[in-house]
PDB file of N, CA and C in Angstrom:
ATOM      1  N   MET A   1     114.719 119.565  30.413  1.00  0.00           N
ATOM      2  CA  MET A   1     115.304 118.279  30.490  1.00  0.00           C
ATOM      3  C   MET A   1     116.420 118.218  31.523  1.00  0.00           C
ATOM      4  N   SER A   2     117.023 119.287  31.705  1.00  0.00           N
ATOM      5  CA  SER A   2     118.071 119.303  32.703  1.00  0.00           C
ATOM      6  C   SER A   2     117.492 119.006  34.075  1.00  0.00           C
ATOM      7  N   ASP A   3     116.225 119.365  34.302  1.00  0.00           N
ATOM      8  CA  ASP A   3     115.592 119.027  35.572  1.00  0.00           C
ATOM      9  C   ASP A   3     115.494 117.520  35.751  1.00  0.00           C
ATOM     10  N   SER A   4     115.083 116.813  34.707  1.00  0.00           N
ATOM     11  CA  SER A   4     114.923 115.371  34.816  1.00  0.00           C
ATOM     12  C   SER A   4     116.277 114.674  34.925  1.00  0.00           C
ATOM     13  N   SER A   5     117.325 115.204  34.268  1.00  0.00           N
ATOM     14  CA  SER A   5     118.648 114.582  34.361  1.00  0.00           C
ATOM     15  C   SER A   5     119.282 114.860  35.725  1.00  0.00           C
ATOM     16  N   ASP A   6     118.954 115.989  36.360  1.00  0.00           N
ATOM     17  CA  ASP A   6     119.478 116.298  37.691  1.00  0.00           C
ATOM     18  C   ASP A   6     118.841 115.407  38.756  1.00  0.00           C
ATOM     19  N   GLN A   7     117.613 115.062  38.556  1.00  0.00           N
ATOM     20  CA  GLN A   7     116.892 114.295  39.561  1.00  0.00           C
ATOM     21  C   GLN A   7     117.499 112.900  39.782  1.00  0.00           C
ATOM     22  N   PRO A   8     117.803 112.110  38.769  1.00  0.00           N
ATOM     23  CA  PRO A   8     118.391 110.794  39.023  1.00  0.00           C
ATOM     24  C   PRO A   8     119.758 110.908  39.686  1.00  0.00           C
ATOM     25  N   SER A   9     120.568 111.871  39.316  1.00  0.00           N
ATOM     26  CA  SER A   9     121.884 111.990  39.934  1.00  0.00           C
ATOM     27  C   SER A   9     121.747 112.373  41.405  1.00  0.00           C
ATOM     28  N   THR A  10     120.750 113.202  41.749  1.00  0.00           N
ATOM     29  CA  THR A  10     120.502 113.554  43.140  1.00  0.00           C
ATOM     30  C   THR A  10     120.048 112.321  43.898  1.00  0.00           C
ATOM     31  N   GLN A  11     119.191 111.550  43.308  1.00  0.00           N
ATOM     32  CA  GLN A  11     118.732 110.313  43.947  1.00  0.00           C
ATOM     33  C   GLN A  11     119.889 109.324  44.064  1.00  0.00           C
ATOM     34  N   ALA A  12     120.736 109.301  43.039  1.00  0.00           N
ATOM     35  CA  ALA A  12     121.888 108.397  43.063  1.00  0.00           C
ATOM     36  C   ALA A  12     122.844 108.815  44.179  1.00  0.00           C
ATOM     37  N   MET A  13     123.064 110.087  44.350  1.00  0.00           N
ATOM     38  CA  MET A  13     123.936 110.566  45.420  1.00  0.00           C
ATOM     39  C   MET A  13     123.318 110.253  46.772  1.00  0.00           C
ATOM     40  N   SER A  14     122.018 110.424  46.858  1.00  0.00           N
ATOM     41  CA  SER A  14     121.347 110.108  48.108  1.00  0.00           C
ATOM     42  C   SER A  14     121.486 108.626  48.412  1.00  0.00           C
ATOM     43  N   SER A  15     121.374 107.791  47.421  1.00  0.00           N
ATOM     44  CA  SER A  15     121.539 106.345  47.609  1.00  0.00           C
ATOM     45  C   SER A  15     122.979 106.030  47.974  1.00  0.00           C
ATOM     46  N   ASP A  16     123.928 106.679  47.271  1.00  0.00           N
ATOM     47  CA  ASP A  16     125.339 106.460  47.575  1.00  0.00           C
ATOM     48  C   ASP A  16     125.664 106.930  49.001  1.00  0.00           C
ATOM     49  N   GLU A  17     125.102 108.074  49.368  1.00  0.00           N
ATOM     50  CA  GLU A  17     125.318 108.571  50.726  1.00  0.00           C
ATOM     51  C   GLU A  17     124.714 107.618  51.754  1.00  0.00           C
ATOM     52  N   ARG A  18     123.554 107.129  51.440  1.00  0.00           N
ATOM     53  CA  ARG A  18     122.874 106.200  52.351  1.00  0.00           C
ATOM     54  C   ARG A  18     123.679 104.902  52.471  1.00  0.00           C
ATOM     55  N   ILE A  19     124.191 104.416  51.362  1.00  0.00           N
ATOM     56  CA  ILE A  19     125.015 103.202  51.370  1.00  0.00           C
ATOM     57  C   ILE A  19     126.268 103.440  52.209  1.00  0.00           C
ATOM     58  N   GLU A  20     126.907 104.591  52.020  1.00  0.00           N
ATOM     59  CA  GLU A  20     128.111 104.921  52.788  1.00  0.00           C
ATOM     60  C   GLU A  20     127.777 105.030  54.277  1.00  0.00           C
ATOM     61  N   GLU A  21     126.650 105.640  54.586  1.00  0.00           N
ATOM     62  CA  GLU A  21     126.226 105.764  55.977  1.00  0.00           C
ATOM     63  C   GLU A  21     126.013 104.379  56.604  1.00  0.00           C
ATOM     64  N   ILE A  22     125.346 103.495  55.878  1.00  0.00           N
ATOM     65  CA  ILE A  22     125.114 102.128  56.365  1.00  0.00           C
ATOM     66  C   ILE A  22     126.447 101.396  56.527  1.00  0.00           C
ATOM     67  N   ARG A  23     127.336 101.572  55.538  1.00  0.00           N
ATOM     68  CA  ARG A  23     128.644 100.927  55.599  1.00  0.00           C
ATOM     69  C   ARG A  23     129.407 101.401  56.842  1.00  0.00           C
ATOM     70  N   GLN A  24     129.362 102.685  57.136  1.00  0.00           N
ATOM     71  CA  GLN A  24     130.024 103.229  58.322  1.00  0.00           C
ATOM     72  C   GLN A  24     129.398 102.676  59.611  1.00  0.00           C
ATOM     73  N   LEU A  25     128.071 102.586  59.618  1.00  0.00           N
ATOM     74  CA  LEU A  25     127.391 102.013  60.784  1.00  0.00           C
ATOM     75  C   LEU A  25     127.802 100.550  60.997  1.00  0.00           C
ATOM     76  N   VAL A  26     127.890  99.800  59.904  1.00  0.00           N
ATOM     77  CA  VAL A  26     128.302  98.395  59.984  1.00  0.00           C
ATOM     78  C   VAL A  26     129.735  98.303  60.502  1.00  0.00           C
ATOM     79  N   LEU A  27     130.625  99.135  59.976  1.00  0.00           N
ATOM     80  CA  LEU A  27     132.019  99.126  60.428  1.00  0.00           C
ATOM     81  C   LEU A  27     132.128  99.510  61.906  1.00  0.00           C
ATOM     82  N   THR A  28     131.342 100.510  62.308  1.00  0.00           N
ATOM     83  CA  THR A  28     131.345 100.936  63.705  1.00  0.00           C
ATOM     84  C   THR A  28     130.841  99.814  64.608  1.00  0.00           C
ATOM     85  N   ARG A  29     129.753  99.179  64.187  1.00  0.00           N
ATOM     86  CA  ARG A  29     129.190  98.078  64.987  1.00  0.00           C
ATOM     87  C   ARG A  29     130.162  96.897  65.035  1.00  0.00           C
ATOM     88  N   LYS A  30     130.810  96.619  63.903  1.00  0.00           N
ATOM     89  CA  LYS A  30     131.790  95.530  63.848  1.00  0.00           C
ATOM     90  C   LYS A  30     132.946  95.819  64.814  1.00  0.00           C
ATOM     91  N   ALA A  31     133.441  97.046  64.794  1.00  0.00           N
ATOM     92  CA  ALA A  31     134.536  97.426  65.688  1.00  0.00           C
ATOM     93  C   ALA A  31     134.102  97.303  67.152  1.00  0.00           C
ATOM     94  N   ALA A  32     132.877  97.720  67.456  1.00  0.00           N
ATOM     95  CA  ALA A  32     132.368  97.625  68.826  1.00  0.00           C
ATOM     96  C   ALA A  32     132.254  96.161  69.258  1.00  0.00           C
ATOM     97  N   LEU A  33     131.756  95.313  68.373  1.00  0.00           N
ATOM     98  CA  LEU A  33     131.644  93.891  68.687  1.00  0.00           C
ATOM     99  C   LEU A  33     133.014  93.250  68.863  1.00  0.00           C
ATOM    100  N   MET A  34     133.958  93.630  68.021  1.00  0.00           N
ATOM    101  CA  MET A  34     135.311  93.087  68.144  1.00  0.00           C
ATOM    102  C   MET A  34     135.945  93.527  69.464  1.00  0.00           C
ATOM    103  N   GLU A  35     135.735  94.766  69.855  1.00  0.00           N
ATOM    104  CA  GLU A  35     136.267  95.264  71.124  1.00  0.00           C
ATOM    105  C   GLU A  35     135.605  94.545  72.300  1.00  0.00           C
ATOM    106  N   GLU A  36     134.301  94.360  72.216  1.00  0.00           N
ATOM    107  CA  GLU A  36     133.582  93.641  73.266  1.00  0.00           C
ATOM    108  C   GLU A  36     134.102  92.202  73.380  1.00  0.00           C
ATOM    109  N   PHE A  37     134.328  91.563  72.234  1.00  0.00           N
ATOM    110  CA  PHE A  37     134.860  90.201  72.214  1.00  0.00           C
ATOM    111  C   PHE A  37     136.266  90.170  72.817  1.00  0.00           C
ATOM    112  N   ARG A  38     137.105  91.156  72.468  1.00  0.00           N
ATOM    113  CA  ARG A  38     138.463  91.226  73.005  1.00  0.00           C
ATOM    114  C   ARG A  38     138.432  91.394  74.526  1.00  0.00           C
ATOM    115  N   GLN A  39     137.526  92.255  75.004  1.00  0.00           N
ATOM    116  CA  GLN A  39     137.401  92.472  76.446  1.00  0.00           C
ATOM    117  C   GLN A  39     136.930  91.205  77.160  1.00  0.00           C
ATOM    118  N   GLU A  40     135.997  90.495  76.547  1.00  0.00           N
ATOM    119  CA  GLU A  40     135.525  89.234  77.132  1.00  0.00           C
ATOM    120  C   GLU A  40     136.650  88.203  77.173  1.00  0.00           C
ATOM    121  N   GLN A  41     137.449  88.154  76.112  1.00  0.00           N
ATOM    122  CA  GLN A  41     138.590  87.237  76.094  1.00  0.00           C
ATOM    123  C   GLN A  41     139.580  87.605  77.196  1.00  0.00           C
ATOM    124  N   GLU A  42     139.860  88.889  77.342  1.00  0.00           N
ATOM    125  CA  GLU A  42     140.786  89.362  78.375  1.00  0.00           C
ATOM    126  C   GLU A  42     140.247  89.030  79.771  1.00  0.00           C
ATOM    127  N   LYS A  43     138.948  89.250  79.968  1.00  0.00           N
ATOM    128  CA  LYS A  43     138.321  88.935  81.254  1.00  0.00           C
ATOM    129  C   LYS A  43     138.416  87.438  81.531  1.00  0.00           C
ATOM    130  N   SER A  44     138.140  86.622  80.528  1.00  0.00           N
ATOM    131  CA  SER A  44     138.231  85.166  80.699  1.00  0.00           C
ATOM    132  C   SER A  44     139.657  84.747  81.031  1.00  0.00           C
ATOM    133  N   LYS A  45     140.619  85.363  80.341  1.00  0.00           N
ATOM    134  CA  LYS A  45     142.028  85.059  80.597  1.00  0.00           C
ATOM    135  C   LYS A  45     142.400  85.441  82.032  1.00  0.00           C
ATOM    136  N   ASN A  46     141.969  86.619  82.476  1.00  0.00           N
ATOM    137  CA  ASN A  46     142.250  87.065  83.847  1.00  0.00           C
ATOM    138  C   ASN A  46     141.560  86.172  84.880  1.00  0.00           C
ATOM    139  N   ASP A  47     140.308  85.797  84.592  1.00  0.00           N
ATOM    140  CA  ASP A  47     139.581  84.909  85.498  1.00  0.00           C
ATOM    141  C   ASP A  47     140.287  83.561  85.610  1.00  0.00           C
ATOM    142  N   MET A  48     140.767  83.042  84.483  1.00  0.00           N
ATOM    143  CA  MET A  48     141.467  81.758  84.484  1.00  0.00           C
ATOM    144  C   MET A  48     142.778  81.873  85.262  1.00  0.00           C
ATOM    145  N   ALA A  49     143.494  82.968  85.072  1.00  0.00           N
ATOM    146  CA  ALA A  49     144.750  83.173  85.806  1.00  0.00           C
ATOM    147  C   ALA A  49     144.473  83.275  87.310  1.00  0.00           C
ATOM    148  N   ALA A  50     143.417  83.980  87.678  1.00  0.00           N
ATOM    149  CA  ALA A  50     143.054  84.107  89.097  1.00  0.00           C
ATOM    150  C   ALA A  50     142.659  82.744  89.666  1.00  0.00           C
ATOM    151  N   PHE A  51     141.921  81.966  88.897  1.00  0.00           N
ATOM    152  CA  PHE A  51     141.521  80.630  89.339  1.00  0.00           C
ATOM    153  C   PHE A  51     142.744  79.732  89.515  1.00  0.00           C
ATOM    154  N   GLU A  52     143.662  79.785  88.547  1.00  0.00           N
ATOM    155  CA  GLU A  52     144.890  78.989  88.640  1.00  0.00           C
ATOM    156  C   GLU A  52     145.708  79.398  89.863  1.00  0.00           C
ATOM    157  N   GLU A  53     145.794  80.696  90.133  1.00  0.00           N
ATOM    158  CA  GLU A  53     146.527  81.177  91.307  1.00  0.00           C
ATOM    159  C   GLU A  53     145.848  80.693  92.590  1.00  0.00           C
ATOM    160  N   HIS A  54     144.525  80.741  92.609  1.00  0.00           N
ATOM    161  CA  HIS A  54     143.773  80.253  93.770  1.00  0.00           C
ATOM    162  C   HIS A  54     144.068  78.767  94.007  1.00  0.00           C
ATOM    163  N   ILE A  55     144.060  77.987  92.936  1.00  0.00           N
ATOM    164  CA  ILE A  55     144.345  76.551  93.045  1.00  0.00           C
ATOM    165  C   ILE A  55     145.771  76.341  93.549  1.00  0.00           C
ATOM    166  N   ARG A  56     146.732  77.124  93.024  1.00  0.00           N
ATOM    167  CA  ARG A  56     148.120  77.011  93.497  1.00  0.00           C
ATOM    168  C   ARG A  56     148.208  77.293  95.000  1.00  0.00           C
ATOM    169  N   GLN A  57     147.481  78.318  95.454  1.00  0.00           N
ATOM    170  CA  GLN A  57     147.497  78.662  96.877  1.00  0.00           C
ATOM    171  C   GLN A  57     146.874  77.554  97.720  1.00  0.00           C
ATOM    172  N   VAL A  58     145.776  76.981  97.237  1.00  0.00           N
ATOM    173  CA  VAL A  58     145.133  75.883  97.963  1.00  0.00           C
ATOM    174  C   VAL A  58     146.087  74.699  98.066  1.00  0.00           C
ATOM    175  N   VAL A  59     146.741  74.363  96.952  1.00  0.00           N
ATOM    176  CA  VAL A  59     147.695  73.252  96.952  1.00  0.00           C
ATOM    177  C   VAL A  59     148.847  73.548  97.906  1.00  0.00           C
ATOM    178  N   GLU A  60     149.349  74.775  97.880  1.00  0.00           N
ATOM    179  CA  GLU A  60     150.450  75.159  98.773  1.00  0.00           C
ATOM    180  C   GLU A  60     150.020  75.067 100.235  1.00  0.00           C
ATOM    181  N   ASN A  61     148.796  75.512 100.534  1.00  0.00           N
ATOM    182  CA  ASN A  61     148.282  75.419 101.906  1.00  0.00           C
ATOM    183  C   ASN A  61     148.177  73.964 102.353  1.00  0.00           C
ATOM    184  N   VAL A  62     147.712  73.102 101.461  1.00  0.00           N
ATOM    185  CA  VAL A  62     147.599  71.681 101.794  1.00  0.00           C
ATOM    186  C   VAL A  62     148.986  71.094 102.035  1.00  0.00           C
ATOM    187  N   LYS A  63     149.945  71.446 101.168  1.00  0.00           N
ATOM    188  CA  LYS A  63     151.316  70.952 101.351  1.00  0.00           C
ATOM    189  C   LYS A  63     151.877  71.418 102.692  1.00  0.00           C
ATOM    190  N   THR A  64     151.634  72.677 103.029  1.00  0.00           N
ATOM    191  CA  THR A  64     152.118  73.225 104.297  1.00  0.00           C
ATOM    192  C   THR A  64     151.482  72.491 105.474  1.00  0.00           C
ATOM    193  N   LYS A  65     150.172  72.249 105.382  1.00  0.00           N
ATOM    194  CA  LYS A  65     149.494  71.529 106.463  1.00  0.00           C
ATOM    195  C   LYS A  65     150.050  70.118 106.608  1.00  0.00           C
ATOM    196  N   ILE A  66     150.325  69.472 105.490  1.00  0.00           N
ATOM    197  CA  ILE A  66     150.893  68.120 105.539  1.00  0.00           C
ATOM    198  C   ILE A  66     152.266  68.159 106.194  1.00  0.00           C
ATOM    199  N   LYS A  67     153.095  69.124 105.779  1.00  0.00           N
ATOM    200  CA  LYS A  67     154.424  69.245 106.379  1.00  0.00           C
ATOM    201  C   LYS A  67     154.318  69.529 107.868  1.00  0.00           C
ATOM    202  N   ASN A  68     153.407  70.428 108.241  1.00  0.00           N
ATOM    203  CA  ASN A  68     153.229  70.760 109.659  1.00  0.00           C
ATOM    204  C   ASN A  68     152.748  69.549 110.442  1.00  0.00           C
ATOM    205  N   ASN A  69     151.859  68.773 109.844  1.00  0.00           N
ATOM    206  CA  ASN A  69     151.383  67.576 110.534  1.00  0.00           C
ATOM    207  C   ASN A  69     152.510  66.571 110.722  1.00  0.00           C
ATOM    208  N   LYS A  70     153.389  66.444 109.716  1.00  0.00           N
ATOM    209  CA  LYS A  70     154.534  65.547 109.862  1.00  0.00           C
ATOM    210  C   LYS A  70     155.440  66.050 110.981  1.00  0.00           C
ATOM    211  N   ALA A  71     155.676  67.355 111.001  1.00  0.00           N
ATOM    212  CA  ALA A  71     156.523  67.934 112.045  1.00  0.00           C
ATOM    213  C   ALA A  71     155.875  67.728 113.411  1.00  0.00           C
ATOM    214  N   ARG A  72     154.572  67.944 113.480  1.00  0.00           N
ATOM    215  CA  ARG A  72     153.861  67.739 114.748  1.00  0.00           C
ATOM    216  C   ARG A  72     153.904  66.270 115.152  1.00  0.00           C
ATOM    217  N   SER A  73     153.724  65.400 114.176  1.00  0.00           N
ATOM    218  CA  SER A  73     153.775  63.969 114.457  1.00  0.00           C
ATOM    219  C   SER A  73     155.147  63.581 114.994  1.00  0.00           C
ATOM    220  N   ASN A  74     156.196  64.108 114.357  1.00  0.00           N
ATOM    221  CA  ASN A  74     157.555  63.839 114.840  1.00  0.00           C
ATOM    222  C   ASN A  74     157.750  64.401 116.242  1.00  0.00           C
ATOM    223  N   LEU A  75     157.252  65.618 116.458  1.00  0.00           N
ATOM    224  CA  LEU A  75     157.374  66.251 117.770  1.00  0.00           C
ATOM    225  C   LEU A  75     156.647  65.433 118.832  1.00  0.00           C
ATOM    226  N   ILE A  76     155.443  64.989 118.501  1.00  0.00           N
ATOM    227  CA  ILE A  76     154.671  64.187 119.456  1.00  0.00           C
ATOM    228  C   ILE A  76     155.397  62.885 119.765  1.00  0.00           C
ATOM    229  N   SER A  77     155.950  62.249 118.731  1.00  0.00           N
ATOM    230  CA  SER A  77     156.665  60.993 118.995  1.00  0.00           C
ATOM    231  C   SER A  77     157.894  61.249 119.863  1.00  0.00           C
ATOM    232  N   HIS A  78     158.575  62.374 119.643  1.00  0.00           N
ATOM    233  CA  HIS A  78     159.713  62.720 120.505  1.00  0.00           C
ATOM    234  C   HIS A  78     159.246  62.990 121.934  1.00  0.00           C
ATOM    235  N   LEU A  79     158.133  63.707 122.057  1.00  0.00           N
ATOM    236  CA  LEU A  79     157.616  64.009 123.393  1.00  0.00           C
ATOM    237  C   LEU A  79     157.169  62.738 124.110  1.00  0.00           C
ATOM    238  N   ASP A  80     156.607  61.795 123.348  1.00  0.00           N
ATOM    239  CA  ASP A  80     156.193  60.522 123.954  1.00  0.00           C
ATOM    240  C   ASP A  80     157.374  59.772 124.554  1.00  0.00           C
ATOM    241  N   ASP A  81     158.548  59.974 123.981  1.00  0.00           N
ATOM    242  CA  ASP A  81     159.744  59.276 124.458  1.00  0.00           C
ATOM    243  C   ASP A  81     160.347  59.910 125.711  1.00  0.00           C
ATOM    244  N   LEU A  82     159.907  61.121 126.053  1.00  0.00           N
ATOM    245  CA  LEU A  82     160.485  61.809 127.213  1.00  0.00           C
ATOM    246  C   LEU A  82     159.908  61.262 128.515  1.00  0.00           C
ATOM    247  N   SER A  83     160.716  61.319 129.548  1.00  0.00           N
ATOM    248  CA  SER A  83     160.243  60.916 130.877  1.00  0.00           C
ATOM    249  C   SER A  83     159.391  62.041 131.454  1.00  0.00           C
ATOM    250  N   PHE A  84     158.725  61.739 132.561  1.00  0.00           N
ATOM    251  CA  PHE A  84     157.896  62.736 133.216  1.00  0.00           C
ATOM    252  C   PHE A  84     158.718  63.951 133.618  1.00  0.00           C
ATOM    253  N   GLU A  85     159.895  63.728 134.157  1.00  0.00           N
ATOM    254  CA  GLU A  85     160.755  64.832 134.593  1.00  0.00           C
ATOM    255  C   GLU A  85     161.165  65.702 133.404  1.00  0.00           C
ATOM    256  N   GLU A  86     161.455  65.059 132.297  1.00  0.00           N
ATOM    257  CA  GLU A  86     161.860  65.810 131.103  1.00  0.00           C
ATOM    258  C   GLU A  86     160.697  66.627 130.561  1.00  0.00           C
ATOM    259  N   LEU A  87     159.483  66.062 130.617  1.00  0.00           N
ATOM    260  CA  LEU A  87     158.298  66.804 130.187  1.00  0.00           C
ATOM    261  C   LEU A  87     158.053  68.002 131.091  1.00  0.00           C
ATOM    262  N   VAL A  88     158.245  67.825 132.386  1.00  0.00           N
ATOM    263  CA  VAL A  88     158.088  68.938 133.329  1.00  0.00           C
ATOM    264  C   VAL A  88     159.096  70.029 133.001  1.00  0.00           C
ATOM    265  N   ALA A  89     160.335  69.646 132.705  1.00  0.00           N
ATOM    266  CA  ALA A  89     161.367  70.631 132.361  1.00  0.00           C
ATOM    267  C   ALA A  89     160.990  71.383 131.088  1.00  0.00           C
ATOM    268  N   LEU A  90     160.465  70.673 130.101  1.00  0.00           N
ATOM    269  CA  LEU A  90     160.027  71.340 128.867  1.00  0.00           C
ATOM    270  C   LEU A  90     158.885  72.305 129.147  1.00  0.00           C
ATOM    271  N   GLU A  91     157.937  71.894 129.982  1.00  0.00           N
ATOM    272  CA  GLU A  91     156.808  72.756 130.322  1.00  0.00           C
ATOM    273  C   GLU A  91     157.285  74.006 131.042  1.00  0.00           C
ATOM    274  N   GLU A  92     158.235  73.867 131.936  1.00  0.00           N
ATOM    275  CA  GLU A  92     158.776  75.032 132.640  1.00  0.00           C
ATOM    276  C   GLU A  92     159.485  75.964 131.668  1.00  0.00           C
ATOM    277  N   THR A  93     160.195  75.403 130.715  1.00  0.00           N
ATOM    278  CA  THR A  93     160.859  76.222 129.692  1.00  0.00           C
ATOM    279  C   THR A  93     159.815  76.982 128.884  1.00  0.00           C
ATOM    280  N   ARG A  94     158.729  76.295 128.524  1.00  0.00           N
ATOM    281  CA  ARG A  94     157.658  76.935 127.753  1.00  0.00           C
ATOM    282  C   ARG A  94     157.037  78.069 128.553  1.00  0.00           C
ATOM    283  N   LYS A  95     156.816  77.852 129.835  1.00  0.00           N
ATOM    284  CA  LYS A  95     156.208  78.892 130.676  1.00  0.00           C
ATOM    285  C   LYS A  95     157.103  80.117 130.798  1.00  0.00           C
ATOM    286  N   ARG A  96     158.402  79.916 130.722  1.00  0.00           N
ATOM    287  CA  ARG A  96     159.332  81.044 130.816  1.00  0.00           C
ATOM    288  C   ARG A  96     159.302  81.900 129.559  1.00  0.00           C
ATOM    289  N   GLY A  97     158.677  81.432 128.510  1.00  0.00           N
ATOM    290  CA  GLY A  97     158.577  82.268 127.320  1.00  0.00           C
ATOM    291  C   GLY A  97     158.862  81.561 126.021  1.00  0.00           C
ATOM    292  N   ASP A  98     159.425  80.384 126.061  1.00  0.00           N
ATOM    293  CA  ASP A  98     159.628  79.630 124.833  1.00  0.00           C
ATOM    294  C   ASP A  98     158.325  78.919 124.529  1.00  0.00           C
ATOM    295  N   THR A  99     157.551  79.490 123.604  1.00  0.00           N
ATOM    296  CA  THR A  99     156.206  78.960 123.369  1.00  0.00           C
ATOM    297  C   THR A  99     156.166  77.867 122.320  1.00  0.00           C
ATOM    298  N   GLU A 100     157.220  77.713 121.539  1.00  0.00           N
ATOM    299  CA  GLU A 100     157.215  76.680 120.510  1.00  0.00           C
ATOM    300  C   GLU A 100     158.482  75.859 120.602  1.00  0.00           C
ATOM    301  N   PHE A 101     158.330  74.591 120.361  1.00  0.00           N
ATOM    302  CA  PHE A 101     159.473  73.696 120.321  1.00  0.00           C
ATOM    303  C   PHE A 101     159.528  73.074 118.946  1.00  0.00           C
ATOM    304  N   SER A 102     160.636  73.203 118.289  1.00  0.00           N
ATOM    305  CA  SER A 102     160.792  72.505 117.017  1.00  0.00           C
ATOM    306  C   SER A 102     161.267  71.103 117.324  1.00  0.00           C
ATOM    307  N   SER A 103     161.131  70.226 116.346  1.00  0.00           N
ATOM    308  CA  SER A 103     161.566  68.852 116.582  1.00  0.00           C
ATOM    309  C   SER A 103     163.069  68.806 116.811  1.00  0.00           C
ATOM    310  N   SER A 104     163.828  69.733 116.210  1.00  0.00           N
ATOM    311  CA  SER A 104     165.274  69.734 116.441  1.00  0.00           C
ATOM    312  C   SER A 104     165.582  70.120 117.887  1.00  0.00           C
ATOM    313  N   GLU A 105     164.785  71.052 118.462  1.00  0.00           N
ATOM    314  CA  GLU A 105     164.990  71.414 119.861  1.00  0.00           C
ATOM    315  C   GLU A 105     164.686  70.229 120.765  1.00  0.00           C
ATOM    316  N   VAL A 106     163.628  69.506 120.426  1.00  0.00           N
ATOM    317  CA  VAL A 106     163.274  68.333 121.220  1.00  0.00           C
ATOM    318  C   VAL A 106     164.355  67.282 121.076  1.00  0.00           C
ATOM    319  N   THR A 107     164.854  67.094 119.851  1.00  0.00           N
ATOM    320  CA  THR A 107     165.918  66.120 119.625  1.00  0.00           C
ATOM    321  C   THR A 107     167.157  66.510 120.412  1.00  0.00           C
ATOM    322  N   THR A 108     167.504  67.797 120.371  1.00  0.00           N
ATOM    323  CA  THR A 108     168.655  68.270 121.137  1.00  0.00           C
ATOM    324  C   THR A 108     168.422  68.017 122.618  1.00  0.00           C
ATOM    325  N   HIS A 109     167.214  68.332 123.069  1.00  0.00           N
ATOM    326  CA  HIS A 109     166.874  68.105 124.470  1.00  0.00           C
ATOM    327  C   HIS A 109     166.936  66.612 124.792  1.00  0.00           C
ATOM    328  N   LEU A 110     166.439  65.798 123.855  1.00  0.00           N
ATOM    329  CA  LEU A 110     166.491  64.351 124.059  1.00  0.00           C
ATOM    330  C   LEU A 110     167.931  63.878 124.185  1.00  0.00           C
ATOM    331  N   ASP A 111     168.796  64.402 123.312  1.00  0.00           N
ATOM    332  CA  ASP A 111     170.197  63.994 123.352  1.00  0.00           C
ATOM    333  C   ASP A 111     170.809  64.301 124.714  1.00  0.00           C
ATOM    334  N   THR A 112     170.538  65.499 125.223  1.00  0.00           N
ATOM    335  CA  THR A 112     171.137  65.870 126.510  1.00  0.00           C
ATOM    336  C   THR A 112     170.487  65.102 127.646  1.00  0.00           C
ATOM    337  N   THR A 113     169.157  64.884 127.559  1.00  0.00           N
ATOM    338  CA  THR A 113     168.496  64.161 128.647  1.00  0.00           C
ATOM    339  C   THR A 113     168.834  62.681 128.604  1.00  0.00           C
ATOM    340  N   LEU A 114     169.050  62.139 127.424  1.00  0.00           N
ATOM    341  CA  LEU A 114     169.440  60.732 127.353  1.00  0.00           C
ATOM    342  C   LEU A 114     170.817  60.543 127.966  1.00  0.00           C
ATOM    343  N   GLU A 115     171.681  61.520 127.735  1.00  0.00           N
ATOM    344  CA  GLU A 115     172.995  61.429 128.371  1.00  0.00           C
ATOM    345  C   GLU A 115     172.829  61.428 129.885  1.00  0.00           C
ATOM    346  N   ALA A 116     171.961  62.312 130.361  1.00  0.00           N
ATOM    347  CA  ALA A 116     171.714  62.358 131.800  1.00  0.00           C
ATOM    348  C   ALA A 116     171.075  61.051 132.252  1.00  0.00           C
ATOM    349  N   GLY A 117     170.165  60.523 131.462  1.00  0.00           N
ATOM    350  CA  GLY A 117     169.524  59.250 131.780  1.00  0.00           C
ATOM    351  C   GLY A 117     170.528  58.121 131.798  1.00  0.00           C
ATOM    352  N   ASP A 118     171.452  58.145 130.841  1.00  0.00           N
ATOM    353  CA  ASP A 118     172.496  57.122 130.815  1.00  0.00           C
ATOM    354  C   ASP A 118     173.327  57.195 132.087  1.00  0.00           C
ATOM    355  N   GLN A 119     173.589  58.421 132.536  1.00  0.00           N
ATOM    356  CA  GLN A 119     174.373  58.591 133.761  1.00  0.00           C
ATOM    357  C   GLN A 119     173.606  58.045 134.963  1.00  0.00           C
ATOM    358  N   ARG A 120     172.281  58.290 134.983  1.00  0.00           N
ATOM    359  CA  ARG A 120     171.460  57.768 136.082  1.00  0.00           C
ATOM    360  C   ARG A 120     171.458  56.243 136.058  1.00  0.00           C
ATOM    361  N   SER A 121     171.319  55.690 134.851  1.00  0.00           N
ATOM    362  CA  SER A 121     171.328  54.230 134.732  1.00  0.00           C
ATOM    363  C   SER A 121     172.666  53.675 135.179  1.00  0.00           C
ATOM    364  N   GLU A 122     173.721  54.344 134.774  1.00  0.00           N
ATOM    365  CA  GLU A 122     175.072  53.920 135.160  1.00  0.00           C
ATOM    366  C   GLU A 122     175.230  54.002 136.673  1.00  0.00           C
ATOM    367  N   ALA A 123     174.711  55.072 137.275  1.00  0.00           N
ATOM    368  CA  ALA A 123     174.809  55.241 138.729  1.00  0.00           C
ATOM    369  C   ALA A 123     174.033  54.139 139.433  1.00  0.00           C
ATOM    370  N   ARG A 124     172.844  53.776 138.887  1.00  0.00           N
ATOM    371  CA  ARG A 124     172.051  52.708 139.487  1.00  0.00           C
ATOM    372  C   ARG A 124     172.779  51.368 139.402  1.00  0.00           C
ATOM    373  N   ARG A 125     173.405  51.134 138.230  1.00  0.00           N
ATOM    374  CA  ARG A 125     174.113  49.867 138.043  1.00  0.00           C
ATOM    375  C   ARG A 125     175.291  49.748 139.002  1.00  0.00           C
ATOM    376  N   THR A 126     176.013  50.846 139.154  1.00  0.00           N
ATOM    377  CA  THR A 126     177.189  50.794 140.038  1.00  0.00           C
ATOM    378  C   THR A 126     176.771  50.760 141.499  1.00  0.00           C
ATOM    379  N   ALA A 127     175.618  51.387 141.818  1.00  0.00           N
ATOM    380  CA  ALA A 127     175.157  51.406 143.209  1.00  0.00           C
ATOM    381  C   ALA A 127     174.583  50.049 143.591  1.00  0.00           C
ATOM    382  N   GLY A 128     173.994  49.359 142.641  1.00  0.00           N
ATOM    383  CA  GLY A 128     173.289  48.126 142.962  1.00  0.00           C
ATOM    384  C   GLY A 128     174.132  46.954 142.847  1.00  0.00           C
TER     385      GLY A 128
END
């Protein structure tokens, strides 16, 4: 009889072991899925941050282009106001190595050339 009583307990242990093995497999799979989900969330978060940074850079580039266009527009309007002689003088300055003119440089140049122009006008008025 001890043989028959040993058999169910052995089967019960085998079932308990099998249940524990399945439980461990489920826990392992659950942990793997949770880690995979966490990694996907992290990747999505990083992708979103990269996208937001890209958008910020695009917006900044557009703002810079707009500012540059305003500066260029101002520069062009200042250059349009210069006489031929003043434009020649600016071109000669550029050829000597000054490759860029800011609007403040043009304004400064305008101020000095207008003074010279005023003197020419004054000389014409007094001569005539």
